[in-house]
Amino acid sequence: MPNPILPFEITPRDVKRKIVEGAPVKLIDVREPSEFQQASIGGAELIPMRSVPARLQGIEAMADEATVIVFCHHGVRSANVVSWLRDQGVAACQSMSGGIDRWSAEVDPGVPRY
């Protein structure tokens, strides 16, 4: 079970490091389906922001097994989602600062920027 005392945000480089090290992480993309079609991170699950409340039970289950890393385009929606999730008692979640745009700039330039 992940450490529930996590910083609110995590950088894309630190997310990549965790993935490479085999740490238990689950990537959740809270952008819209049309954005997901333009650019995505392999292995991420699309749960648009508006769908998060209906998916809370599943996200809680994910957080029991892994640190849930939430991201969006630039980090605003993901920060709102992580704040809400933490208010619901889901402590093992973090917002990826800068979103998929920063991921593309710093980690994987193969992910299109838009």
N, C-alpha and C. Protein backbone atom coordinates (compact mmCIF):
# COMPACT_ATOMS: atom_id res chain seq x y z
N MET A 1 0.85 -1.18 0.00
CA MET A 1 0.00 0.00 0.00
C MET A 1 0.89 1.24 0.00
N PRO A 2 0.60 2.22 -0.88
CA PRO A 2 1.43 3.41 -0.95
C PRO A 2 1.37 4.24 0.32
N ASN A 3 2.42 5.01 0.51
CA ASN A 3 2.47 5.92 1.65
C ASN A 3 1.40 6.98 1.47
N PRO A 4 0.46 7.12 2.41
CA PRO A 4 -0.62 8.09 2.23
C PRO A 4 -0.17 9.54 2.43
N ILE A 5 1.04 9.77 2.93
CA ILE A 5 1.53 11.13 3.13
C ILE A 5 2.39 11.50 1.93
N LEU A 6 1.74 12.00 0.89
CA LEU A 6 2.42 12.32 -0.36
C LEU A 6 2.31 13.81 -0.63
N PRO A 7 3.32 14.39 -1.26
CA PRO A 7 3.17 15.78 -1.72
C PRO A 7 1.98 15.87 -2.67
N PHE A 8 1.35 17.04 -2.70
CA PHE A 8 0.18 17.23 -3.55
C PHE A 8 0.52 17.07 -5.03
N GLU A 9 1.67 17.59 -5.45
CA GLU A 9 2.08 17.51 -6.84
C GLU A 9 3.33 16.67 -7.01
N ILE A 10 3.51 16.15 -8.22
CA ILE A 10 4.69 15.39 -8.59
C ILE A 10 5.08 15.82 -10.01
N THR A 11 6.37 15.92 -10.26
CA THR A 11 6.82 16.34 -11.59
C THR A 11 6.73 15.18 -12.58
N PRO A 12 6.61 15.48 -13.86
CA PRO A 12 6.61 14.41 -14.86
C PRO A 12 7.87 13.56 -14.79
N ARG A 13 9.03 14.17 -14.55
CA ARG A 13 10.26 13.38 -14.45
C ARG A 13 10.19 12.39 -13.28
N ASP A 14 9.62 12.83 -12.16
CA ASP A 14 9.50 11.91 -11.02
C ASP A 14 8.49 10.80 -11.30
N VAL A 15 7.44 11.11 -12.06
CA VAL A 15 6.48 10.07 -12.46
C VAL A 15 7.21 9.03 -13.31
N LYS A 16 7.97 9.50 -14.29
CA LYS A 16 8.71 8.60 -15.18
C LYS A 16 9.68 7.73 -14.38
N ARG A 17 10.37 8.35 -13.42
CA ARG A 17 11.31 7.61 -12.58
C ARG A 17 10.59 6.50 -11.82
N LYS A 18 9.44 6.80 -11.26
CA LYS A 18 8.66 5.79 -10.53
C LYS A 18 8.27 4.63 -11.45
N ILE A 19 7.85 4.98 -12.67
CA ILE A 19 7.45 3.95 -13.64
C ILE A 19 8.65 3.06 -13.97
N VAL A 20 9.80 3.68 -14.25
CA VAL A 20 11.01 2.93 -14.60
C VAL A 20 11.45 2.04 -13.44
N GLU A 21 11.31 2.53 -12.22
CA GLU A 21 11.71 1.76 -11.04
C GLU A 21 10.70 0.66 -10.69
N GLY A 22 9.56 0.66 -11.35
CA GLY A 22 8.55 -0.36 -11.08
C GLY A 22 7.69 -0.06 -9.88
N ALA A 23 7.68 1.19 -9.44
CA ALA A 23 6.82 1.56 -8.31
C ALA A 23 5.36 1.41 -8.73
N PRO A 24 4.49 1.05 -7.80
CA PRO A 24 3.08 0.92 -8.15
C PRO A 24 2.43 2.29 -8.36
N VAL A 25 2.19 2.62 -9.62
CA VAL A 25 1.51 3.87 -9.96
C VAL A 25 0.41 3.58 -10.96
N LYS A 26 -0.64 4.37 -10.90
CA LYS A 26 -1.75 4.29 -11.84
C LYS A 26 -1.97 5.69 -12.38
N LEU A 27 -1.84 5.84 -13.70
CA LEU A 27 -2.03 7.15 -14.33
C LEU A 27 -3.49 7.34 -14.74
N ILE A 28 -4.06 8.46 -14.30
CA ILE A 28 -5.43 8.80 -14.68
C ILE A 28 -5.40 10.13 -15.42
N ASP A 29 -5.90 10.11 -16.64
CA ASP A 29 -5.99 11.28 -17.50
C ASP A 29 -7.40 11.85 -17.36
N VAL A 30 -7.52 13.08 -16.85
CA VAL A 30 -8.84 13.66 -16.63
C VAL A 30 -9.25 14.65 -17.73
N ARG A 31 -8.54 14.60 -18.86
CA ARG A 31 -8.91 15.45 -19.99
C ARG A 31 -10.14 14.87 -20.71
N GLU A 32 -10.58 15.56 -21.72
CA GLU A 32 -11.73 15.12 -22.50
C GLU A 32 -11.29 14.09 -23.55
N PRO A 33 -12.21 13.24 -24.00
CA PRO A 33 -11.85 12.23 -25.01
C PRO A 33 -11.19 12.81 -26.25
N SER A 34 -11.63 13.97 -26.70
CA SER A 34 -11.01 14.57 -27.90
C SER A 34 -9.55 14.94 -27.64
N GLU A 35 -9.24 15.38 -26.42
CA GLU A 35 -7.85 15.69 -26.06
C GLU A 35 -7.02 14.41 -25.99
N PHE A 36 -7.62 13.36 -25.43
CA PHE A 36 -6.95 12.07 -25.30
C PHE A 36 -6.59 11.53 -26.68
N GLN A 37 -7.46 11.76 -27.68
CA GLN A 37 -7.18 11.30 -29.04
C GLN A 37 -6.00 12.05 -29.65
N GLN A 38 -5.81 13.30 -29.26
CA GLN A 38 -4.70 14.11 -29.80
C GLN A 38 -3.36 13.69 -29.23
N ALA A 39 -3.34 13.36 -27.94
CA ALA A 39 -2.10 13.03 -27.26
C ALA A 39 -2.43 12.22 -26.02
N SER A 40 -1.64 11.17 -25.77
CA SER A 40 -1.87 10.38 -24.56
C SER A 40 -0.56 9.78 -24.08
N ILE A 41 -0.57 9.37 -22.82
CA ILE A 41 0.57 8.71 -22.21
C ILE A 41 0.21 7.23 -22.11
N GLY A 42 1.08 6.38 -22.63
CA GLY A 42 0.83 4.94 -22.62
C GLY A 42 0.50 4.42 -21.23
N GLY A 43 -0.53 3.63 -21.14
CA GLY A 43 -0.93 3.02 -19.88
C GLY A 43 -1.87 3.87 -19.04
N ALA A 44 -2.09 5.12 -19.44
CA ALA A 44 -3.00 5.99 -18.69
C ALA A 44 -4.44 5.62 -18.97
N GLU A 45 -5.28 5.74 -17.95
CA GLU A 45 -6.71 5.49 -18.11
C GLU A 45 -7.43 6.81 -18.21
N LEU A 46 -8.26 6.95 -19.22
CA LEU A 46 -9.04 8.17 -19.41
C LEU A 46 -10.27 8.13 -18.50
N ILE A 47 -10.33 9.09 -17.59
CA ILE A 47 -11.51 9.31 -16.76
C ILE A 47 -11.75 10.82 -16.78
N PRO A 48 -12.54 11.32 -17.76
CA PRO A 48 -12.75 12.76 -17.83
C PRO A 48 -13.18 13.34 -16.48
N MET A 49 -12.74 14.56 -16.23
CA MET A 49 -12.97 15.20 -14.94
C MET A 49 -14.43 15.08 -14.48
N ARG A 50 -15.36 15.31 -15.37
CA ARG A 50 -16.78 15.26 -15.00
C ARG A 50 -17.23 13.86 -14.57
N SER A 51 -16.46 12.83 -14.94
CA SER A 51 -16.80 11.45 -14.62
C SER A 51 -16.19 10.96 -13.31
N VAL A 52 -15.28 11.74 -12.74
CA VAL A 52 -14.56 11.30 -11.55
C VAL A 52 -15.49 10.97 -10.38
N PRO A 53 -16.48 11.82 -10.04
CA PRO A 53 -17.34 11.46 -8.90
C PRO A 53 -18.03 10.10 -9.06
N ALA A 54 -18.49 9.80 -10.27
CA ALA A 54 -19.16 8.52 -10.51
C ALA A 54 -18.19 7.35 -10.45
N ARG A 55 -16.90 7.63 -10.62
CA ARG A 55 -15.89 6.57 -10.62
C ARG A 55 -15.11 6.50 -9.30
N LEU A 56 -15.58 7.24 -8.29
CA LEU A 56 -14.85 7.34 -7.02
C LEU A 56 -14.50 5.97 -6.43
N GLN A 57 -15.44 5.05 -6.40
CA GLN A 57 -15.19 3.74 -5.80
C GLN A 57 -14.03 3.03 -6.51
N GLY A 58 -14.02 3.08 -7.82
CA GLY A 58 -12.93 2.45 -8.58
C GLY A 58 -11.60 3.13 -8.34
N ILE A 59 -11.62 4.46 -8.24
CA ILE A 59 -10.38 5.20 -7.98
C ILE A 59 -9.87 4.88 -6.58
N GLU A 60 -10.77 4.77 -5.62
CA GLU A 60 -10.37 4.37 -4.26
C GLU A 60 -9.69 3.00 -4.29
N ALA A 61 -10.24 2.09 -5.04
CA ALA A 61 -9.64 0.75 -5.15
C ALA A 61 -8.26 0.83 -5.78
N MET A 62 -8.11 1.66 -6.82
CA MET A 62 -6.78 1.85 -7.43
C MET A 62 -5.79 2.37 -6.40
N ALA A 63 -6.23 3.33 -5.60
CA ALA A 63 -5.35 3.96 -4.61
C ALA A 63 -4.96 3.01 -3.48
N ASP A 64 -5.72 1.94 -3.31
CA ASP A 64 -5.35 0.91 -2.33
C ASP A 64 -4.16 0.09 -2.82
N GLU A 65 -3.96 0.06 -4.14
CA GLU A 65 -2.92 -0.77 -4.74
C GLU A 65 -1.73 0.03 -5.27
N ALA A 66 -1.94 1.31 -5.57
CA ALA A 66 -0.90 2.11 -6.22
C ALA A 66 -1.12 3.58 -5.92
N THR A 67 -0.09 4.37 -6.14
CA THR A 67 -0.26 5.82 -6.08
C THR A 67 -0.97 6.24 -7.36
N VAL A 68 -2.05 6.97 -7.21
CA VAL A 68 -2.81 7.45 -8.36
C VAL A 68 -2.23 8.80 -8.77
N ILE A 69 -1.72 8.86 -10.00
CA ILE A 69 -1.17 10.08 -10.56
C ILE A 69 -2.20 10.63 -11.54
N VAL A 70 -2.72 11.81 -11.23
CA VAL A 70 -3.76 12.43 -12.05
C VAL A 70 -3.10 13.51 -12.91
N PHE A 71 -3.46 13.55 -14.19
CA PHE A 71 -2.94 14.61 -15.05
C PHE A 71 -3.98 15.09 -16.04
N CYS A 72 -3.73 16.28 -16.57
CA CYS A 72 -4.59 16.87 -17.58
C CYS A 72 -3.69 17.54 -18.62
N HIS A 73 -4.11 18.65 -19.20
CA HIS A 73 -3.30 19.32 -20.21
C HIS A 73 -2.15 20.10 -19.58
N HIS A 74 -2.47 20.99 -18.63
CA HIS A 74 -1.44 21.82 -18.00
C HIS A 74 -1.37 21.68 -16.48
N GLY A 75 -2.28 20.95 -15.86
CA GLY A 75 -2.20 20.72 -14.42
C GLY A 75 -3.28 21.36 -13.57
N VAL A 76 -4.17 22.15 -14.18
CA VAL A 76 -5.22 22.82 -13.41
C VAL A 76 -6.34 21.84 -13.05
N ARG A 77 -6.87 21.15 -14.05
CA ARG A 77 -7.96 20.19 -13.77
C ARG A 77 -7.49 19.08 -12.86
N SER A 78 -6.27 18.59 -13.09
CA SER A 78 -5.77 17.50 -12.24
C SER A 78 -5.61 17.96 -10.79
N ALA A 79 -5.20 19.20 -10.58
CA ALA A 79 -5.08 19.72 -9.21
C ALA A 79 -6.46 19.78 -8.55
N ASN A 80 -7.46 20.21 -9.31
CA ASN A 80 -8.82 20.24 -8.76
C ASN A 80 -9.31 18.84 -8.42
N VAL A 81 -9.02 17.87 -9.29
CA VAL A 81 -9.45 16.49 -9.05
C VAL A 81 -8.75 15.92 -7.82
N VAL A 82 -7.45 16.13 -7.71
CA VAL A 82 -6.71 15.60 -6.55
C VAL A 82 -7.21 16.24 -5.26
N SER A 83 -7.48 17.53 -5.29
CA SER A 83 -8.03 18.20 -4.11
C SER A 83 -9.36 17.54 -3.71
N TRP A 84 -10.22 17.31 -4.69
CA TRP A 84 -11.51 16.68 -4.42
C TRP A 84 -11.33 15.25 -3.91
N LEU A 85 -10.44 14.48 -4.56
CA LEU A 85 -10.21 13.10 -4.13
C LEU A 85 -9.71 13.05 -2.69
N ARG A 86 -8.79 13.94 -2.35
CA ARG A 86 -8.28 13.96 -0.98
C ARG A 86 -9.38 14.33 0.00
N ASP A 87 -10.28 15.24 -0.40
CA ASP A 87 -11.43 15.57 0.45
C ASP A 87 -12.33 14.36 0.66
N GLN A 88 -12.33 13.43 -0.28
CA GLN A 88 -13.14 12.20 -0.18
C GLN A 88 -12.39 11.10 0.58
N GLY A 89 -11.17 11.38 1.02
CA GLY A 89 -10.40 10.40 1.77
C GLY A 89 -9.41 9.59 0.95
N VAL A 90 -9.22 9.93 -0.32
CA VAL A 90 -8.26 9.22 -1.15
C VAL A 90 -6.92 9.96 -1.02
N ALA A 91 -6.08 9.49 -0.10
CA ALA A 91 -4.83 10.18 0.18
C ALA A 91 -3.71 9.84 -0.80
N ALA A 92 -3.74 8.64 -1.36
CA ALA A 92 -2.65 8.17 -2.22
C ALA A 92 -2.85 8.64 -3.66
N CYS A 93 -2.94 9.97 -3.81
CA CYS A 93 -3.08 10.53 -5.15
C CYS A 93 -2.26 11.81 -5.24
N GLN A 94 -1.79 12.09 -6.45
CA GLN A 94 -0.99 13.28 -6.71
C GLN A 94 -1.35 13.84 -8.07
N SER A 95 -1.18 15.15 -8.20
CA SER A 95 -1.38 15.82 -9.48
C SER A 95 -0.03 15.96 -10.17
N MET A 96 0.03 15.61 -11.46
CA MET A 96 1.27 15.77 -12.20
C MET A 96 1.38 17.23 -12.66
N SER A 97 2.34 17.94 -12.10
CA SER A 97 2.49 19.36 -12.39
C SER A 97 2.83 19.58 -13.86
N GLY A 98 2.15 20.55 -14.46
CA GLY A 98 2.38 20.87 -15.86
C GLY A 98 1.65 19.98 -16.84
N GLY A 99 1.03 18.92 -16.35
CA GLY A 99 0.22 18.04 -17.19
C GLY A 99 0.97 17.36 -18.33
N ILE A 100 0.20 16.91 -19.31
CA ILE A 100 0.78 16.18 -20.44
C ILE A 100 1.66 17.09 -21.28
N ASP A 101 1.41 18.41 -21.24
CA ASP A 101 2.25 19.34 -21.99
C ASP A 101 3.68 19.30 -21.44
N ARG A 102 3.82 19.34 -20.12
CA ARG A 102 5.16 19.28 -19.51
C ARG A 102 5.77 17.90 -19.71
N TRP A 103 4.95 16.84 -19.67
CA TRP A 103 5.43 15.48 -19.93
C TRP A 103 6.08 15.43 -21.31
N SER A 104 5.40 16.01 -22.30
CA SER A 104 5.92 16.02 -23.66
C SER A 104 7.22 16.82 -23.74
N ALA A 105 7.27 17.95 -23.05
CA ALA A 105 8.45 18.82 -23.11
C ALA A 105 9.66 18.22 -22.38
N GLU A 106 9.42 17.50 -21.28
CA GLU A 106 10.53 17.06 -20.43
C GLU A 106 10.82 15.56 -20.44
N VAL A 107 9.82 14.75 -20.78
CA VAL A 107 9.97 13.30 -20.64
C VAL A 107 9.89 12.58 -21.99
N ASP A 108 8.85 12.85 -22.76
CA ASP A 108 8.63 12.10 -23.99
C ASP A 108 8.20 13.05 -25.11
N PRO A 109 9.16 13.56 -25.90
CA PRO A 109 8.81 14.46 -26.99
C PRO A 109 7.99 13.79 -28.10
N GLY A 110 7.84 12.47 -28.04
CA GLY A 110 6.99 11.76 -28.98
C GLY A 110 5.51 11.98 -28.72
N VAL A 111 5.17 12.50 -27.54
CA VAL A 111 3.78 12.82 -27.22
C VAL A 111 3.50 14.20 -27.80
N PRO A 112 2.55 14.29 -28.73
CA PRO A 112 2.28 15.59 -29.38
C PRO A 112 1.86 16.66 -28.37
N ARG A 113 2.32 17.88 -28.63
CA ARG A 113 1.88 19.04 -27.84
C ARG A 113 0.77 19.72 -28.63
N TYR A 114 -0.17 20.27 -27.91
CA TYR A 114 -1.29 20.99 -28.58
C TYR A 114 -1.68 22.20 -27.78
